[in-house]
């Protein structure tokens, strides 16, 4: 197995884990963790709108944090699957540009709009 195979498997496992986390918990996230390969590039709060360029194997992936959520807005990968992930806003949400080796994962919590009493 090559390093790329292991990265693809790890990113798929993270996406599946994120899907299960979203199913069992819809807590709003507080931060996004951005990785390029195995390295943590940064951790940014979701309450500060910004654009972020992340350098990967193929070039720069562009991310946007806006209104408490994050998404891929551009990437040098051929199929642009990462762009179709759309906006992520719940703790545990994950998206990745596998060919470029860039991934994002939402962590932490902030005050949710719906609580046990109003739900």
N, C-alpha and C. Protein backbone atom coordinates (compact mmCIF):
# COMPACT_ATOMS: atom_id res chain seq x y z
N UNK A 1 0.83 -1.18 0.00
CA UNK A 1 0.00 0.00 0.00
C UNK A 1 0.87 1.24 0.00
N UNK A 2 0.49 2.20 -0.82
CA UNK A 2 1.26 3.45 -0.87
C UNK A 2 0.74 4.43 0.17
N UNK A 3 1.49 5.51 0.37
CA UNK A 3 1.06 6.54 1.31
C UNK A 3 -0.26 7.17 0.85
N UNK A 4 -0.42 7.30 -0.46
CA UNK A 4 -1.66 7.88 -1.00
C UNK A 4 -2.86 6.98 -0.68
N UNK A 5 -2.67 5.66 -0.76
CA UNK A 5 -3.74 4.72 -0.42
C UNK A 5 -4.13 4.87 1.05
N UNK A 6 -3.12 4.94 1.91
CA UNK A 6 -3.39 5.10 3.34
C UNK A 6 -4.10 6.41 3.64
N UNK A 7 -3.69 7.49 2.94
CA UNK A 7 -4.35 8.78 3.13
C UNK A 7 -5.80 8.70 2.68
N UNK A 8 -6.05 8.08 1.54
CA UNK A 8 -7.42 7.94 1.03
C UNK A 8 -8.29 7.14 2.01
N UNK A 9 -7.75 6.07 2.55
CA UNK A 9 -8.49 5.25 3.51
C UNK A 9 -8.78 6.06 4.77
N UNK A 10 -7.79 6.80 5.25
CA UNK A 10 -7.97 7.60 6.46
C UNK A 10 -9.02 8.69 6.24
N UNK A 11 -8.99 9.34 5.08
CA UNK A 11 -9.97 10.39 4.80
C UNK A 11 -11.38 9.81 4.66
N UNK A 12 -11.49 8.64 4.05
CA UNK A 12 -12.80 7.99 3.94
C UNK A 12 -13.33 7.61 5.33
N UNK A 13 -12.45 7.08 6.16
CA UNK A 13 -12.86 6.72 7.52
C UNK A 13 -13.30 7.96 8.30
N UNK A 14 -12.59 9.07 8.10
CA UNK A 14 -12.97 10.31 8.77
C UNK A 14 -14.33 10.80 8.27
N UNK A 15 -14.58 10.68 6.98
CA UNK A 15 -15.87 11.10 6.42
C UNK A 15 -17.00 10.23 6.96
N UNK A 16 -16.78 8.93 7.04
CA UNK A 16 -17.80 8.03 7.58
C UNK A 16 -18.04 8.35 9.06
N UNK A 17 -16.96 8.56 9.79
CA UNK A 17 -17.09 8.93 11.20
C UNK A 17 -17.84 10.24 11.36
N UNK A 18 -17.57 11.19 10.46
CA UNK A 18 -18.29 12.46 10.49
C UNK A 18 -19.77 12.28 10.21
N UNK A 19 -20.09 11.38 9.28
CA UNK A 19 -21.50 11.12 8.97
C UNK A 19 -22.22 10.52 10.17
N UNK A 20 -21.56 9.58 10.86
CA UNK A 20 -22.17 9.00 12.07
C UNK A 20 -22.32 10.06 13.16
N UNK A 21 -21.31 10.91 13.31
CA UNK A 21 -21.39 11.95 14.33
C UNK A 21 -22.54 12.91 14.03
N UNK A 22 -22.74 13.22 12.76
CA UNK A 22 -23.84 14.11 12.38
C UNK A 22 -25.18 13.44 12.64
N UNK A 23 -25.26 12.15 12.42
CA UNK A 23 -26.50 11.42 12.66
C UNK A 23 -26.87 11.44 14.13
N UNK A 24 -25.88 11.28 14.99
CA UNK A 24 -26.15 11.19 16.42
C UNK A 24 -26.09 12.53 17.13
N UNK A 25 -25.50 13.52 16.53
CA UNK A 25 -25.37 14.83 17.17
C UNK A 25 -25.38 15.91 16.11
N UNK A 26 -26.17 16.91 16.31
CA UNK A 26 -26.19 18.02 15.36
C UNK A 26 -25.73 19.30 16.05
N UNK A 27 -24.76 19.17 16.94
CA UNK A 27 -24.24 20.34 17.64
C UNK A 27 -23.51 21.24 16.67
N UNK A 28 -23.73 22.52 16.81
CA UNK A 28 -23.03 23.49 15.97
C UNK A 28 -21.55 23.46 16.34
N UNK A 29 -20.70 23.57 15.34
CA UNK A 29 -19.26 23.53 15.57
C UNK A 29 -18.74 24.92 15.92
N UNK A 30 -17.59 24.96 16.56
CA UNK A 30 -16.97 26.22 16.92
C UNK A 30 -15.73 26.52 16.08
N UNK A 31 -15.04 25.48 15.59
CA UNK A 31 -13.79 25.65 14.86
C UNK A 31 -13.72 24.68 13.70
N UNK A 32 -12.85 25.01 12.75
CA UNK A 32 -12.52 24.09 11.67
C UNK A 32 -11.03 23.78 11.78
N UNK A 33 -10.70 22.50 11.70
CA UNK A 33 -9.30 22.07 11.64
C UNK A 33 -9.00 21.75 10.18
N UNK A 34 -7.91 22.32 9.68
CA UNK A 34 -7.52 22.14 8.29
C UNK A 34 -6.22 21.36 8.25
N UNK A 35 -6.19 20.31 7.43
CA UNK A 35 -4.99 19.49 7.29
C UNK A 35 -4.56 19.41 5.84
N UNK A 36 -3.26 19.37 5.63
CA UNK A 36 -2.66 19.10 4.32
C UNK A 36 -1.76 17.90 4.54
N UNK A 37 -2.12 16.76 3.91
CA UNK A 37 -1.44 15.52 4.20
C UNK A 37 -1.73 15.14 5.64
N UNK A 38 -0.71 14.83 6.41
CA UNK A 38 -0.89 14.48 7.82
C UNK A 38 -0.67 15.66 8.76
N UNK A 39 -0.34 16.82 8.20
CA UNK A 39 0.01 17.97 9.03
C UNK A 39 -1.20 18.88 9.27
N UNK A 40 -1.36 19.31 10.52
CA UNK A 40 -2.39 20.28 10.85
C UNK A 40 -1.91 21.65 10.37
N UNK A 41 -2.64 22.24 9.43
CA UNK A 41 -2.29 23.54 8.87
C UNK A 41 -2.77 24.66 9.77
N UNK A 42 -3.97 24.48 10.34
CA UNK A 42 -4.49 25.52 11.22
C UNK A 42 -5.84 25.14 11.79
N UNK A 43 -6.22 25.89 12.81
CA UNK A 43 -7.53 25.73 13.45
C UNK A 43 -8.11 27.14 13.55
N UNK A 44 -9.26 27.34 12.90
CA UNK A 44 -9.84 28.66 12.79
C UNK A 44 -11.25 28.68 13.39
N UNK A 45 -11.60 29.77 14.08
CA UNK A 45 -12.96 29.89 14.62
C UNK A 45 -13.96 30.12 13.48
N UNK A 46 -15.14 29.58 13.63
CA UNK A 46 -16.17 29.73 12.59
C UNK A 46 -16.94 31.03 12.74
N UNK A 47 -16.69 31.79 13.79
CA UNK A 47 -17.43 33.05 13.96
C UNK A 47 -16.69 34.24 13.37
N UNK A 48 -15.59 34.00 12.63
CA UNK A 48 -14.85 35.06 11.95
C UNK A 48 -14.80 34.72 10.46
N UNK A 49 -15.53 35.46 9.63
CA UNK A 49 -15.54 35.21 8.19
C UNK A 49 -14.16 35.45 7.61
N UNK A 50 -13.72 34.54 6.73
CA UNK A 50 -12.41 34.68 6.07
C UNK A 50 -12.29 33.69 4.93
N UNK A 51 -11.34 33.97 4.04
CA UNK A 51 -10.95 33.04 2.98
C UNK A 51 -9.56 32.53 3.32
N UNK A 52 -9.34 31.23 3.07
CA UNK A 52 -8.08 30.59 3.42
C UNK A 52 -7.57 29.81 2.22
N UNK A 53 -6.31 29.98 1.88
CA UNK A 53 -5.66 29.19 0.84
C UNK A 53 -4.80 28.13 1.53
N UNK A 54 -4.98 26.86 1.13
CA UNK A 54 -4.23 25.75 1.72
C UNK A 54 -3.45 25.07 0.61
N UNK A 55 -2.14 25.01 0.75
CA UNK A 55 -1.30 24.39 -0.28
C UNK A 55 -1.30 22.87 -0.11
N UNK A 56 -1.67 22.16 -1.16
CA UNK A 56 -1.66 20.70 -1.17
C UNK A 56 -0.72 20.18 -2.24
N UNK A 57 -0.85 18.88 -2.54
CA UNK A 57 0.05 18.25 -3.52
C UNK A 57 -0.09 18.80 -4.93
N UNK A 58 -1.30 19.20 -5.32
CA UNK A 58 -1.55 19.68 -6.68
C UNK A 58 -1.54 21.19 -6.80
N UNK A 59 -1.61 21.88 -5.68
CA UNK A 59 -1.69 23.33 -5.69
C UNK A 59 -2.50 23.82 -4.51
N UNK A 60 -3.11 24.98 -4.66
CA UNK A 60 -3.86 25.59 -3.55
C UNK A 60 -5.35 25.26 -3.62
N UNK A 61 -5.89 24.83 -2.49
CA UNK A 61 -7.33 24.69 -2.31
C UNK A 61 -7.80 25.95 -1.59
N UNK A 62 -8.93 26.49 -2.01
CA UNK A 62 -9.48 27.70 -1.40
C UNK A 62 -10.67 27.32 -0.52
N UNK A 63 -10.65 27.79 0.72
CA UNK A 63 -11.74 27.55 1.67
C UNK A 63 -12.36 28.88 2.05
N UNK A 64 -13.64 28.84 2.40
CA UNK A 64 -14.33 30.04 2.88
C UNK A 64 -15.04 29.73 4.18
N UNK A 65 -14.80 30.57 5.19
CA UNK A 65 -15.55 30.52 6.45
C UNK A 65 -16.50 31.70 6.41
N UNK A 66 -17.79 31.40 6.59
CA UNK A 66 -18.81 32.45 6.49
C UNK A 66 -20.03 32.06 7.32
N UNK A 67 -20.48 32.95 8.15
CA UNK A 67 -21.72 32.76 8.94
C UNK A 67 -21.72 31.46 9.74
N UNK A 68 -20.59 31.12 10.35
CA UNK A 68 -20.53 29.94 11.21
C UNK A 68 -20.43 28.62 10.47
N UNK A 69 -19.99 28.66 9.22
CA UNK A 69 -19.85 27.43 8.43
C UNK A 69 -18.65 27.56 7.50
N UNK A 70 -18.26 26.46 6.87
CA UNK A 70 -17.07 26.45 6.02
C UNK A 70 -17.31 25.55 4.81
N UNK A 71 -16.60 25.83 3.71
CA UNK A 71 -16.69 25.00 2.52
C UNK A 71 -15.47 25.19 1.64
N UNK A 72 -15.24 24.21 0.75
CA UNK A 72 -14.26 24.36 -0.32
C UNK A 72 -14.91 25.24 -1.39
N UNK A 73 -14.20 26.25 -1.87
CA UNK A 73 -14.74 27.09 -2.95
C UNK A 73 -13.95 26.92 -4.25
N UNK A 74 -12.73 26.40 -4.17
CA UNK A 74 -11.93 26.12 -5.36
C UNK A 74 -10.83 25.14 -4.99
N UNK A 75 -10.47 24.29 -5.96
CA UNK A 75 -9.40 23.33 -5.73
C UNK A 75 -8.85 22.87 -7.07
N UNK A 76 -7.56 22.50 -7.13
CA UNK A 76 -6.96 22.11 -8.39
C UNK A 76 -7.23 20.65 -8.80
N UNK A 77 -8.04 19.93 -8.05
CA UNK A 77 -8.31 18.52 -8.35
C UNK A 77 -9.14 18.40 -9.63
N UNK A 78 -9.07 17.25 -10.31
CA UNK A 78 -9.76 17.11 -11.59
C UNK A 78 -11.29 17.02 -11.50
N UNK A 79 -11.85 16.34 -10.51
CA UNK A 79 -13.29 16.10 -10.48
C UNK A 79 -14.08 17.06 -9.60
N UNK A 80 -13.40 17.84 -8.78
CA UNK A 80 -14.03 18.84 -7.91
C UNK A 80 -15.08 18.27 -6.96
N UNK A 81 -14.89 17.03 -6.50
CA UNK A 81 -15.83 16.41 -5.56
C UNK A 81 -15.89 17.20 -4.27
N UNK A 82 -14.77 17.75 -3.84
CA UNK A 82 -14.74 18.51 -2.58
C UNK A 82 -15.67 19.72 -2.64
N UNK A 83 -15.82 20.33 -3.79
CA UNK A 83 -16.70 21.49 -3.91
C UNK A 83 -18.16 21.11 -3.70
N UNK A 84 -18.51 19.89 -4.09
CA UNK A 84 -19.89 19.43 -3.98
C UNK A 84 -20.28 19.04 -2.55
N UNK A 85 -19.32 19.01 -1.63
CA UNK A 85 -19.64 18.73 -0.23
C UNK A 85 -20.49 19.84 0.35
N UNK A 86 -20.38 21.03 -0.19
CA UNK A 86 -21.18 22.16 0.27
C UNK A 86 -20.73 22.70 1.62
N UNK A 87 -21.65 23.42 2.25
CA UNK A 87 -21.35 24.06 3.53
C UNK A 87 -21.38 23.04 4.66
N UNK A 88 -20.38 23.10 5.53
CA UNK A 88 -20.30 22.27 6.73
C UNK A 88 -20.52 23.19 7.92
N UNK A 89 -21.35 22.74 8.89
CA UNK A 89 -21.61 23.60 10.04
C UNK A 89 -21.76 22.87 11.36
N UNK A 90 -21.81 21.53 11.35
CA UNK A 90 -22.01 20.77 12.58
C UNK A 90 -20.72 20.09 13.02
N UNK A 91 -20.55 20.01 14.32
CA UNK A 91 -19.39 19.33 14.87
C UNK A 91 -19.32 17.91 14.32
N UNK A 92 -18.17 17.53 13.80
CA UNK A 92 -18.00 16.21 13.20
C UNK A 92 -18.08 16.20 11.69
N UNK A 93 -18.62 17.27 11.07
CA UNK A 93 -18.68 17.34 9.61
C UNK A 93 -17.25 17.32 9.04
N UNK A 94 -17.08 16.62 7.92
CA UNK A 94 -15.78 16.46 7.30
C UNK A 94 -15.90 16.55 5.79
N UNK A 95 -14.92 17.15 5.14
CA UNK A 95 -14.83 17.16 3.68
C UNK A 95 -13.35 17.08 3.33
N UNK A 96 -13.07 16.55 2.13
CA UNK A 96 -11.66 16.40 1.74
C UNK A 96 -11.51 16.51 0.23
N UNK A 97 -10.38 17.05 -0.16
CA UNK A 97 -9.93 16.99 -1.55
C UNK A 97 -8.82 15.94 -1.54
N UNK A 98 -9.20 14.71 -1.82
CA UNK A 98 -8.25 13.60 -1.70
C UNK A 98 -7.07 13.74 -2.67
N UNK A 99 -7.29 14.08 -3.96
CA UNK A 99 -6.13 14.21 -4.84
C UNK A 99 -5.14 15.27 -4.37
N UNK A 100 -5.63 16.34 -3.76
CA UNK A 100 -4.76 17.41 -3.29
C UNK A 100 -4.26 17.18 -1.87
N UNK A 101 -4.85 16.21 -1.15
CA UNK A 101 -4.41 15.89 0.20
C UNK A 101 -4.84 16.91 1.24
N UNK A 102 -5.93 17.66 0.99
CA UNK A 102 -6.40 18.68 1.92
C UNK A 102 -7.74 18.23 2.51
N UNK A 103 -7.87 18.33 3.83
CA UNK A 103 -9.13 17.95 4.47
C UNK A 103 -9.51 18.98 5.52
N UNK A 104 -10.83 19.05 5.79
CA UNK A 104 -11.34 19.93 6.83
C UNK A 104 -12.28 19.14 7.73
N UNK A 105 -12.25 19.46 9.02
CA UNK A 105 -13.11 18.78 10.00
C UNK A 105 -13.56 19.81 11.01
N UNK A 106 -14.85 19.83 11.29
CA UNK A 106 -15.40 20.76 12.26
C UNK A 106 -15.38 20.14 13.64
N UNK A 107 -14.96 20.94 14.62
CA UNK A 107 -14.83 20.47 16.00
C UNK A 107 -15.39 21.51 16.96
N UNK A 108 -15.58 21.06 18.20
CA UNK A 108 -16.03 21.97 19.25
C UNK A 108 -17.50 22.27 19.13
N UNK A 109 -18.00 22.98 20.08
CA UNK A 109 -19.41 23.35 20.07
C UNK A 109 -19.54 24.82 20.37
N UNK A 110 -20.65 25.35 19.98
CA UNK A 110 -21.06 26.70 20.36
C UNK A 110 -22.53 26.60 20.69
N UNK A 111 -23.09 27.62 21.16
CA UNK A 111 -24.49 27.59 21.56
C UNK A 111 -25.38 27.22 20.36
N UNK A 112 -26.15 26.20 20.51
CA UNK A 112 -27.03 25.75 19.43
C UNK A 112 -28.29 26.60 19.41
N UNK A 113 -28.89 26.72 18.22
CA UNK A 113 -30.11 27.51 18.07
C UNK A 113 -31.30 26.81 18.71
N UNK A 114 -31.25 25.48 18.81
CA UNK A 114 -32.34 24.71 19.40
C UNK A 114 -31.78 23.95 20.58
N UNK A 115 -32.45 24.04 21.72
CA UNK A 115 -32.02 23.27 22.88
C UNK A 115 -33.10 22.29 23.28
N UNK A 116 -32.91 21.56 24.36
CA UNK A 116 -33.84 20.52 24.77
C UNK A 116 -35.21 21.06 25.12
N UNK A 117 -35.26 22.29 25.58
CA UNK A 117 -36.54 22.86 25.98
C UNK A 117 -37.33 23.36 24.76
N UNK A 118 -36.65 24.02 23.83
CA UNK A 118 -37.37 24.57 22.67
C UNK A 118 -37.57 23.54 21.57
N UNK A 119 -36.92 22.42 21.65
CA UNK A 119 -37.02 21.39 20.61
C UNK A 119 -38.21 20.58 20.80
